[in-house]
Amino acid sequence: MSACSHLNQIKTTDTSIRVCKECVERGDTWVHLRLCLECGHVGCFDSSKNKHATKHFHHTDHPLLRSIEPGESWIWCYKDNFSPGEIEGGEVIETAS
């Protein structure tokens, strides 16, 4: 598998936001939250009924997100359909390809 060619699009790696704004506005709940690494949008992931993180990707074409769940630091690339690494201390640690 080749390395992710989208890692150069990362502009943010962390957030203090711990809610899915779209779910709050709808009065809904979420299961897991993800952070867009390009613009900082926080959305619920695919195990949540609204899937706002994936909808954000389809709307913006921002390919990279990370888990912001406690104890998780993995990155996902929608375009390459794999995890190119993790975020540790604000830095990207690439997975060996």
PDB file of N, CA and C in Angstrom:
ATOM      1  N   MET A   1       0.848  -1.171   0.000  1.00  0.00           N
ATOM      2  CA  MET A   1       0.000   0.000   0.000  1.00  0.00           C
ATOM      3  C   MET A   1       0.894   1.234   0.000  1.00  0.00           C
ATOM      4  N   SER A   2       0.560   2.229  -0.773  1.00  0.00           N
ATOM      5  CA  SER A   2       1.373   3.434  -0.841  1.00  0.00           C
ATOM      6  C   SER A   2       0.982   4.397   0.280  1.00  0.00           C
ATOM      7  N   ALA A   3       1.870   5.335   0.550  1.00  0.00           N
ATOM      8  CA  ALA A   3       1.615   6.340   1.578  1.00  0.00           C
ATOM      9  C   ALA A   3       0.482   7.258   1.148  1.00  0.00           C
ATOM     10  N   CYS A   4      -0.185   7.835   2.123  1.00  0.00           N
ATOM     11  CA  CYS A   4      -1.273   8.776   1.860  1.00  0.00           C
ATOM     12  C   CYS A   4      -0.691  10.068   1.298  1.00  0.00           C
ATOM     13  N   SER A   5      -1.215  10.519   0.187  1.00  0.00           N
ATOM     14  CA  SER A   5      -0.719  11.745  -0.449  1.00  0.00           C
ATOM     15  C   SER A   5      -1.440  12.988   0.058  1.00  0.00           C
ATOM     16  N   HIS A   6      -2.309  12.834   1.057  1.00  0.00           N
ATOM     17  CA  HIS A   6      -3.115  13.962   1.534  1.00  0.00           C
ATOM     18  C   HIS A   6      -2.626  14.524   2.866  1.00  0.00           C
ATOM     19  N   LEU A   7      -1.587  13.940   3.453  1.00  0.00           N
ATOM     20  CA  LEU A   7      -1.123  14.375   4.767  1.00  0.00           C
ATOM     21  C   LEU A   7      -0.679  15.835   4.765  1.00  0.00           C
ATOM     22  N   ASN A   8      -0.286  16.341   3.609  1.00  0.00           N
ATOM     23  CA  ASN A   8       0.136  17.744   3.527  1.00  0.00           C
ATOM     24  C   ASN A   8      -1.044  18.716   3.659  1.00  0.00           C
ATOM     25  N   GLN A   9      -2.269  18.204   3.718  1.00  0.00           N
ATOM     26  CA  GLN A   9      -3.455  19.047   3.859  1.00  0.00           C
ATOM     27  C   GLN A   9      -3.839  19.263   5.326  1.00  0.00           C
ATOM     28  N   ILE A  10      -3.108  18.655   6.256  1.00  0.00           N
ATOM     29  CA  ILE A  10      -3.426  18.793   7.671  1.00  0.00           C
ATOM     30  C   ILE A  10      -3.101  20.200   8.144  1.00  0.00           C
ATOM     31  N   LYS A  11      -4.122  20.857   8.723  1.00  0.00           N
ATOM     32  CA  LYS A  11      -3.957  22.208   9.248  1.00  0.00           C
ATOM     33  C   LYS A  11      -4.240  22.276  10.739  1.00  0.00           C
ATOM     34  N   THR A  12      -4.922  21.276  11.285  1.00  0.00           N
ATOM     35  CA  THR A  12      -5.242  21.237  12.711  1.00  0.00           C
ATOM     36  C   THR A  12      -5.193  19.790  13.187  1.00  0.00           C
ATOM     37  N   THR A  13      -4.783  19.585  14.431  1.00  0.00           N
ATOM     38  CA  THR A  13      -4.670  18.212  14.932  1.00  0.00           C
ATOM     39  C   THR A  13      -5.425  17.982  16.233  1.00  0.00           C
ATOM     40  N   ASP A  14      -5.970  19.044  16.843  1.00  0.00           N
ATOM     41  CA  ASP A  14      -6.669  18.871  18.114  1.00  0.00           C
ATOM     42  C   ASP A  14      -7.761  19.924  18.252  1.00  0.00           C
ATOM     43  N   THR A  15      -8.661  19.681  19.183  1.00  0.00           N
ATOM     44  CA  THR A  15      -9.769  20.594  19.449  1.00  0.00           C
ATOM     45  C   THR A  15     -10.242  20.407  20.876  1.00  0.00           C
ATOM     46  N   SER A  16     -10.851  21.434  21.413  1.00  0.00           N
ATOM     47  CA  SER A  16     -11.475  21.315  22.735  1.00  0.00           C
ATOM     48  C   SER A  16     -12.963  20.996  22.602  1.00  0.00           C
ATOM     49  N   ILE A  17     -13.482  20.995  21.387  1.00  0.00           N
ATOM     50  CA  ILE A  17     -14.900  20.709  21.130  1.00  0.00           C
ATOM     51  C   ILE A  17     -15.158  19.223  21.339  1.00  0.00           C
ATOM     52  N   ARG A  18     -16.164  18.903  22.099  1.00  0.00           N
ATOM     53  CA  ARG A  18     -16.498  17.512  22.374  1.00  0.00           C
ATOM     54  C   ARG A  18     -17.983  17.235  22.148  1.00  0.00           C
ATOM     55  N   VAL A  19     -18.555  17.943  21.173  1.00  0.00           N
ATOM     56  CA  VAL A  19     -19.952  17.718  20.788  1.00  0.00           C
ATOM     57  C   VAL A  19     -20.062  17.770  19.275  1.00  0.00           C
ATOM     58  N   CYS A  20     -21.066  17.099  18.749  1.00  0.00           N
ATOM     59  CA  CYS A  20     -21.406  17.234  17.332  1.00  0.00           C
ATOM     60  C   CYS A  20     -22.427  18.356  17.248  1.00  0.00           C
ATOM     61  N   LYS A  21     -22.003  19.500  16.744  1.00  0.00           N
ATOM     62  CA  LYS A  21     -22.854  20.690  16.683  1.00  0.00           C
ATOM     63  C   LYS A  21     -24.154  20.421  15.922  1.00  0.00           C
ATOM     64  N   GLU A  22     -24.049  19.705  14.805  1.00  0.00           N
ATOM     65  CA  GLU A  22     -25.250  19.421  14.008  1.00  0.00           C
ATOM     66  C   GLU A  22     -26.238  18.562  14.795  1.00  0.00           C
ATOM     67  N   CYS A  23     -25.739  17.597  15.553  1.00  0.00           N
ATOM     68  CA  CYS A  23     -26.626  16.763  16.372  1.00  0.00           C
ATOM     69  C   CYS A  23     -27.276  17.595  17.476  1.00  0.00           C
ATOM     70  N   VAL A  24     -26.487  18.470  18.124  1.00  0.00           N
ATOM     71  CA  VAL A  24     -27.035  19.333  19.178  1.00  0.00           C
ATOM     72  C   VAL A  24     -28.166  20.187  18.608  1.00  0.00           C
ATOM     73  N   GLU A  25     -27.927  20.770  17.425  1.00  0.00           N
ATOM     74  CA  GLU A  25     -28.948  21.615  16.798  1.00  0.00           C
ATOM     75  C   GLU A  25     -30.220  20.840  16.485  1.00  0.00           C
ATOM     76  N   ARG A  26     -30.098  19.556  16.207  1.00  0.00           N
ATOM     77  CA  ARG A  26     -31.262  18.709  15.885  1.00  0.00           C
ATOM     78  C   ARG A  26     -31.876  18.062  17.120  1.00  0.00           C
ATOM     79  N   GLY A  27     -31.213  18.204  18.252  1.00  0.00           N
ATOM     80  CA  GLY A  27     -31.687  17.539  19.460  1.00  0.00           C
ATOM     81  C   GLY A  27     -31.379  16.058  19.477  1.00  0.00           C
ATOM     82  N   ASP A  28     -30.387  15.636  18.674  1.00  0.00           N
ATOM     83  CA  ASP A  28     -29.995  14.232  18.582  1.00  0.00           C
ATOM     84  C   ASP A  28     -28.756  13.959  19.423  1.00  0.00           C
ATOM     85  N   THR A  29     -28.434  12.690  19.539  1.00  0.00           N
ATOM     86  CA  THR A  29     -27.228  12.258  20.242  1.00  0.00           C
ATOM     87  C   THR A  29     -26.270  11.633  19.235  1.00  0.00           C
ATOM     88  N   TRP A  30     -25.068  11.359  19.674  1.00  0.00           N
ATOM     89  CA  TRP A  30     -24.041  10.756  18.828  1.00  0.00           C
ATOM     90  C   TRP A  30     -23.318   9.690  19.626  1.00  0.00           C
ATOM     91  N   VAL A  31     -22.529   8.875  18.917  1.00  0.00           N
ATOM     92  CA  VAL A  31     -21.770   7.813  19.561  1.00  0.00           C
ATOM     93  C   VAL A  31     -20.284   8.183  19.622  1.00  0.00           C
ATOM     94  N   HIS A  32     -19.651   8.408  18.483  1.00  0.00           N
ATOM     95  CA  HIS A  32     -18.226   8.735  18.428  1.00  0.00           C
ATOM     96  C   HIS A  32     -18.016  10.020  17.642  1.00  0.00           C
ATOM     97  N   LEU A  33     -17.005  10.807  18.040  1.00  0.00           N
ATOM     98  CA  LEU A  33     -16.713  12.076  17.375  1.00  0.00           C
ATOM     99  C   LEU A  33     -15.402  12.007  16.612  1.00  0.00           C
ATOM    100  N   ARG A  34     -15.373  12.707  15.486  1.00  0.00           N
ATOM    101  CA  ARG A  34     -14.184  12.786  14.639  1.00  0.00           C
ATOM    102  C   ARG A  34     -13.895  14.248  14.304  1.00  0.00           C
ATOM    103  N   LEU A  35     -12.610  14.560  14.117  1.00  0.00           N
ATOM    104  CA  LEU A  35     -12.137  15.899  13.818  1.00  0.00           C
ATOM    105  C   LEU A  35     -11.598  15.959  12.397  1.00  0.00           C
ATOM    106  N   CYS A  36     -12.110  16.888  11.590  1.00  0.00           N
ATOM    107  CA  CYS A  36     -11.554  17.125  10.255  1.00  0.00           C
ATOM    108  C   CYS A  36     -10.194  17.782  10.433  1.00  0.00           C
ATOM    109  N   LEU A  37      -9.166  17.192   9.863  1.00  0.00           N
ATOM    110  CA  LEU A  37      -7.808  17.700  10.034  1.00  0.00           C
ATOM    111  C   LEU A  37      -7.490  18.869   9.115  1.00  0.00           C
ATOM    112  N   GLU A  38      -8.415  19.211   8.231  1.00  0.00           N
ATOM    113  CA  GLU A  38      -8.195  20.374   7.372  1.00  0.00           C
ATOM    114  C   GLU A  38      -8.830  21.637   7.939  1.00  0.00           C
ATOM    115  N   CYS A  39     -10.069  21.546   8.413  1.00  0.00           N
ATOM    116  CA  CYS A  39     -10.763  22.759   8.858  1.00  0.00           C
ATOM    117  C   CYS A  39     -11.179  22.753  10.323  1.00  0.00           C
ATOM    118  N   GLY A  40     -11.054  21.620  11.024  1.00  0.00           N
ATOM    119  CA  GLY A  40     -11.390  21.563  12.428  1.00  0.00           C
ATOM    120  C   GLY A  40     -12.841  21.227  12.747  1.00  0.00           C
ATOM    121  N   HIS A  41     -13.639  20.914  11.731  1.00  0.00           N
ATOM    122  CA  HIS A  41     -15.035  20.526  11.969  1.00  0.00           C
ATOM    123  C   HIS A  41     -15.076  19.264  12.821  1.00  0.00           C
ATOM    124  N   VAL A  42     -15.953  19.252  13.825  1.00  0.00           N
ATOM    125  CA  VAL A  42     -16.169  18.063  14.648  1.00  0.00           C
ATOM    126  C   VAL A  42     -17.537  17.502  14.302  1.00  0.00           C
ATOM    127  N   GLY A  43     -17.577  16.221  13.962  1.00  0.00           N
ATOM    128  CA  GLY A  43     -18.841  15.587  13.620  1.00  0.00           C
ATOM    129  C   GLY A  43     -18.904  14.165  14.130  1.00  0.00           C
ATOM    130  N   CYS A  44     -20.125  13.674  14.231  1.00  0.00           N
ATOM    131  CA  CYS A  44     -20.327  12.286  14.658  1.00  0.00           C
ATOM    132  C   CYS A  44     -19.942  11.351  13.510  1.00  0.00           C
ATOM    133  N   PHE A  45     -19.484  10.156  13.876  1.00  0.00           N
ATOM    134  CA  PHE A  45     -18.989   9.222  12.876  1.00  0.00           C
ATOM    135  C   PHE A  45     -20.052   8.206  12.500  1.00  0.00           C
ATOM    136  N   ASP A  46     -19.684   7.240  11.721  1.00  0.00           N
ATOM    137  CA  ASP A  46     -20.632   6.332  11.079  1.00  0.00           C
ATOM    138  C   ASP A  46     -21.402   5.425  12.031  1.00  0.00           C
ATOM    139  N   SER A  47     -20.947   5.261  13.268  1.00  0.00           N
ATOM    140  CA  SER A  47     -21.728   4.482  14.222  1.00  0.00           C
ATOM    141  C   SER A  47     -22.864   5.309  14.822  1.00  0.00           C
ATOM    142  N   SER A  48     -22.882   6.599  14.523  1.00  0.00           N
ATOM    143  CA  SER A  48     -23.974   7.488  14.930  1.00  0.00           C
ATOM    144  C   SER A  48     -24.972   7.591  13.783  1.00  0.00           C
ATOM    145  N   LYS A  49     -26.240   7.793  14.103  1.00  0.00           N
ATOM    146  CA  LYS A  49     -27.259   7.745  13.053  1.00  0.00           C
ATOM    147  C   LYS A  49     -27.120   8.847  12.005  1.00  0.00           C
ATOM    148  N   ASN A  50     -26.593  10.013  12.370  1.00  0.00           N
ATOM    149  CA  ASN A  50     -26.530  11.125  11.419  1.00  0.00           C
ATOM    150  C   ASN A  50     -25.257  11.169  10.574  1.00  0.00           C
ATOM    151  N   LYS A  51     -24.204  10.544  11.019  1.00  0.00           N
ATOM    152  CA  LYS A  51     -22.949  10.428  10.247  1.00  0.00           C
ATOM    153  C   LYS A  51     -22.438  11.779   9.728  1.00  0.00           C
ATOM    154  N   HIS A  52     -22.416  12.784  10.605  1.00  0.00           N
ATOM    155  CA  HIS A  52     -22.048  14.135  10.169  1.00  0.00           C
ATOM    156  C   HIS A  52     -20.592  14.258   9.713  1.00  0.00           C
ATOM    157  N   ALA A  53     -19.674  13.466  10.248  1.00  0.00           N
ATOM    158  CA  ALA A  53     -18.278  13.538   9.803  1.00  0.00           C
ATOM    159  C   ALA A  53     -18.163  13.099   8.341  1.00  0.00           C
ATOM    160  N   THR A  54     -18.830  12.025   7.978  1.00  0.00           N
ATOM    161  CA  THR A  54     -18.793  11.548   6.592  1.00  0.00           C
ATOM    162  C   THR A  54     -19.525  12.515   5.672  1.00  0.00           C
ATOM    163  N   LYS A  55     -20.634  13.069   6.120  1.00  0.00           N
ATOM    164  CA  LYS A  55     -21.351  14.075   5.318  1.00  0.00           C
ATOM    165  C   LYS A  55     -20.466  15.292   5.083  1.00  0.00           C
ATOM    166  N   HIS A  56     -19.675  15.664   6.106  1.00  0.00           N
ATOM    167  CA  HIS A  56     -18.747  16.791   5.964  1.00  0.00           C
ATOM    168  C   HIS A  56     -17.731  16.503   4.857  1.00  0.00           C
ATOM    169  N   PHE A  57     -17.186  15.292   4.833  1.00  0.00           N
ATOM    170  CA  PHE A  57     -16.246  14.926   3.762  1.00  0.00           C
ATOM    171  C   PHE A  57     -16.903  15.051   2.392  1.00  0.00           C
ATOM    172  N   HIS A  58     -18.104  14.515   2.231  1.00  0.00           N
ATOM    173  CA  HIS A  58     -18.771  14.569   0.930  1.00  0.00           C
ATOM    174  C   HIS A  58     -19.101  16.004   0.512  1.00  0.00           C
ATOM    175  N   HIS A  59     -19.366  16.858   1.479  1.00  0.00           N
ATOM    176  CA  HIS A  59     -19.699  18.261   1.180  1.00  0.00           C
ATOM    177  C   HIS A  59     -18.452  19.099   0.878  1.00  0.00           C
ATOM    178  N   THR A  60     -17.335  18.833   1.593  1.00  0.00           N
ATOM    179  CA  THR A  60     -16.148  19.688   1.486  1.00  0.00           C
ATOM    180  C   THR A  60     -14.992  19.071   0.717  1.00  0.00           C
ATOM    181  N   ASP A  61     -14.977  17.746   0.595  1.00  0.00           N
ATOM    182  CA  ASP A  61     -13.865  17.011  -0.015  1.00  0.00           C
ATOM    183  C   ASP A  61     -12.602  17.059   0.845  1.00  0.00           C
ATOM    184  N   HIS A  62     -12.736  17.349   2.143  1.00  0.00           N
ATOM    185  CA  HIS A  62     -11.601  17.291   3.060  1.00  0.00           C
ATOM    186  C   HIS A  62     -11.369  15.819   3.411  1.00  0.00           C
ATOM    187  N   PRO A  63     -10.247  15.226   2.992  1.00  0.00           N
ATOM    188  CA  PRO A  63     -10.087  13.775   3.056  1.00  0.00           C
ATOM    189  C   PRO A  63      -9.704  13.184   4.405  1.00  0.00           C
ATOM    190  N   LEU A  64      -9.106  13.969   5.303  1.00  0.00           N
ATOM    191  CA  LEU A  64      -8.540  13.393   6.524  1.00  0.00           C
ATOM    192  C   LEU A  64      -9.315  13.763   7.776  1.00  0.00           C
ATOM    193  N   LEU A  65      -9.515  12.763   8.635  1.00  0.00           N
ATOM    194  CA  LEU A  65     -10.095  13.008   9.945  1.00  0.00           C
ATOM    195  C   LEU A  65      -9.341  12.182  10.956  1.00  0.00           C
ATOM    196  N   ARG A  66      -9.550  12.515  12.208  1.00  0.00           N
ATOM    197  CA  ARG A  66      -8.979  11.718  13.290  1.00  0.00           C
ATOM    198  C   ARG A  66     -10.032  11.480  14.344  1.00  0.00           C
ATOM    199  N   SER A  67      -9.845  10.410  15.086  1.00  0.00           N
ATOM    200  CA  SER A  67     -10.704  10.150  16.232  1.00  0.00           C
ATOM    201  C   SER A  67     -10.310  11.110  17.347  1.00  0.00           C
ATOM    202  N   ILE A  68     -11.314  11.665  18.027  1.00  0.00           N
ATOM    203  CA  ILE A  68     -11.034  12.468  19.220  1.00  0.00           C
ATOM    204  C   ILE A  68     -11.639  11.797  20.458  1.00  0.00           C
ATOM    205  N   GLU A  69     -11.859  10.499  20.342  1.00  0.00           N
ATOM    206  CA  GLU A  69     -12.325   9.721  21.480  1.00  0.00           C
ATOM    207  C   GLU A  69     -11.149   9.492  22.438  1.00  0.00           C
ATOM    208  N   PRO A  70     -11.412   9.448  23.755  1.00  0.00           N
ATOM    209  CA  PRO A  70     -10.326   9.222  24.715  1.00  0.00           C
ATOM    210  C   PRO A  70      -9.538   7.954  24.393  1.00  0.00           C
ATOM    211  N   GLY A  71      -8.213   8.085  24.370  1.00  0.00           N
ATOM    212  CA  GLY A  71      -7.341   6.945  24.122  1.00  0.00           C
ATOM    213  C   GLY A  71      -7.154   6.591  22.660  1.00  0.00           C
ATOM    214  N   GLU A  72      -7.800   7.331  21.755  1.00  0.00           N
ATOM    215  CA  GLU A  72      -7.663   7.060  20.316  1.00  0.00           C
ATOM    216  C   GLU A  72      -6.975   8.234  19.627  1.00  0.00           C
ATOM    217  N   SER A  73      -6.100   7.929  18.666  1.00  0.00           N
ATOM    218  CA  SER A  73      -5.386   8.991  17.951  1.00  0.00           C
ATOM    219  C   SER A  73      -5.229   8.684  16.466  1.00  0.00           C
ATOM    220  N   TRP A  74      -5.981   7.674  15.976  1.00  0.00           N
ATOM    221  CA  TRP A  74      -5.811   7.252  14.587  1.00  0.00           C
ATOM    222  C   TRP A  74      -6.385   8.281  13.609  1.00  0.00           C
ATOM    223  N   ILE A  75      -5.807   8.266  12.427  1.00  0.00           N
ATOM    224  CA  ILE A  75      -6.230   9.122  11.307  1.00  0.00           C
ATOM    225  C   ILE A  75      -6.890   8.228  10.268  1.00  0.00           C
ATOM    226  N   TRP A  76      -7.897   8.754   9.573  1.00  0.00           N
ATOM    227  CA  TRP A  76      -8.526   8.042   8.457  1.00  0.00           C
ATOM    228  C   TRP A  76      -8.519   8.945   7.238  1.00  0.00           C
ATOM    229  N   CYS A  77      -8.158   8.382   6.092  1.00  0.00           N
ATOM    230  CA  CYS A  77      -8.223   9.103   4.818  1.00  0.00           C
ATOM    231  C   CYS A  77      -9.367   8.522   3.998  1.00  0.00           C
ATOM    232  N   TYR A  78     -10.395   9.336   3.766  1.00  0.00           N
ATOM    233  CA  TYR A  78     -11.538   8.887   2.965  1.00  0.00           C
ATOM    234  C   TYR A  78     -11.128   8.568   1.527  1.00  0.00           C
ATOM    235  N   LYS A  79     -10.257   9.382   0.946  1.00  0.00           N
ATOM    236  CA  LYS A  79      -9.899   9.191  -0.463  1.00  0.00           C
ATOM    237  C   LYS A  79      -9.061   7.936  -0.682  1.00  0.00           C
ATOM    238  N   ASP A  80      -8.141   7.648   0.235  1.00  0.00           N
ATOM    239  CA  ASP A  80      -7.295   6.458   0.099  1.00  0.00           C
ATOM    240  C   ASP A  80      -7.902   5.239   0.777  1.00  0.00           C
ATOM    241  N   ASN A  81      -8.943   5.465   1.573  1.00  0.00           N
ATOM    242  CA  ASN A  81      -9.673   4.389   2.258  1.00  0.00           C
ATOM    243  C   ASN A  81      -8.761   3.547   3.149  1.00  0.00           C
ATOM    244  N   PHE A  82      -7.899   4.223   3.921  1.00  0.00           N
ATOM    245  CA  PHE A  82      -7.070   3.531   4.901  1.00  0.00           C
ATOM    246  C   PHE A  82      -6.559   4.523   5.939  1.00  0.00           C
ATOM    247  N   SER A  83      -5.997   3.978   7.011  1.00  0.00           N
ATOM    248  CA  SER A  83      -5.438   4.796   8.086  1.00  0.00           C
ATOM    249  C   SER A  83      -3.943   5.001   7.841  1.00  0.00           C
ATOM    250  N   PRO A  84      -3.538   6.239   7.514  1.00  0.00           N
ATOM    251  CA  PRO A  84      -2.120   6.482   7.242  1.00  0.00           C
ATOM    252  C   PRO A  84      -1.264   6.668   8.492  1.00  0.00           C
ATOM    253  N   GLY A  85      -1.882   6.675   9.666  1.00  0.00           N
ATOM    254  CA  GLY A  85      -1.091   6.829  10.881  1.00  0.00           C
ATOM    255  C   GLY A  85      -1.910   7.333  12.042  1.00  0.00           C
ATOM    256  N   GLU A  86      -1.206   7.984  12.980  1.00  0.00           N
ATOM    257  CA  GLU A  86      -1.826   8.515  14.184  1.00  0.00           C
ATOM    258  C   GLU A  86      -1.284   9.910  14.469  1.00  0.00           C
ATOM    259  N   ILE A  87      -1.966  10.616  15.362  1.00  0.00           N
ATOM    260  CA  ILE A  87      -1.502  11.915  15.850  1.00  0.00           C
ATOM    261  C   ILE A  87      -0.957  11.689  17.260  1.00  0.00           C
ATOM    262  N   GLU A  88       0.278  12.083  17.487  1.00  0.00           N
ATOM    263  CA  GLU A  88       0.881  11.999  18.823  1.00  0.00           C
ATOM    264  C   GLU A  88       1.550  13.328  19.126  1.00  0.00           C
ATOM    265  N   GLY A  89       1.086  13.998  20.171  1.00  0.00           N
ATOM    266  CA  GLY A  89       1.671  15.287  20.540  1.00  0.00           C
ATOM    267  C   GLY A  89       1.552  16.321  19.446  1.00  0.00           C
ATOM    268  N   GLY A  90       0.478  16.258  18.665  1.00  0.00           N
ATOM    269  CA  GLY A  90       0.270  17.208  17.573  1.00  0.00           C
ATOM    270  C   GLY A  90       1.014  16.868  16.300  1.00  0.00           C
ATOM    271  N   GLU A  91       1.771  15.792  16.305  1.00  0.00           N
ATOM    272  CA  GLU A  91       2.552  15.384  15.133  1.00  0.00           C
ATOM    273  C   GLU A  91       1.957  14.116  14.517  1.00  0.00           C
ATOM    274  N   VAL A  92       2.080  14.013  13.195  1.00  0.00           N
ATOM    275  CA  VAL A  92       1.615  12.824  12.482  1.00  0.00           C
ATOM    276  C   VAL A  92       2.698  11.755  12.531  1.00  0.00           C
ATOM    277  N   ILE A  93       2.328  10.580  12.999  1.00  0.00           N
ATOM    278  CA  ILE A  93       3.221   9.430  12.981  1.00  0.00           C
ATOM    279  C   ILE A  93       2.669   8.493  11.915  1.00  0.00           C
ATOM    280  N   GLU A  94       3.352   8.427  10.778  1.00  0.00           N
ATOM    281  CA  GLU A  94       2.871   7.617   9.660  1.00  0.00           C
ATOM    282  C   GLU A  94       3.045   6.133   9.938  1.00  0.00           C
ATOM    283  N   THR A  95       2.059   5.364   9.496  1.00  0.00           N
ATOM    284  CA  THR A  95       2.123   3.917   9.561  1.00  0.00           C
ATOM    285  C   THR A  95       3.028   3.430   8.447  1.00  0.00           C
ATOM    286  N   ALA A  96       3.870   2.471   8.730  1.00  0.00           N
ATOM    287  CA  ALA A  96       4.732   1.904   7.691  1.00  0.00           C
ATOM    288  C   ALA A  96       3.864   1.310   6.590  1.00  0.00           C
ATOM    289  N   SER A  97       4.210   1.604   5.345  1.00  0.00           N
ATOM    290  CA  SER A  97       3.406   1.091   4.230  1.00  0.00           C
ATOM    291  C   SER A  97       4.016  -0.148   3.640  1.00  0.00           C
TER     292      SER A  97
END
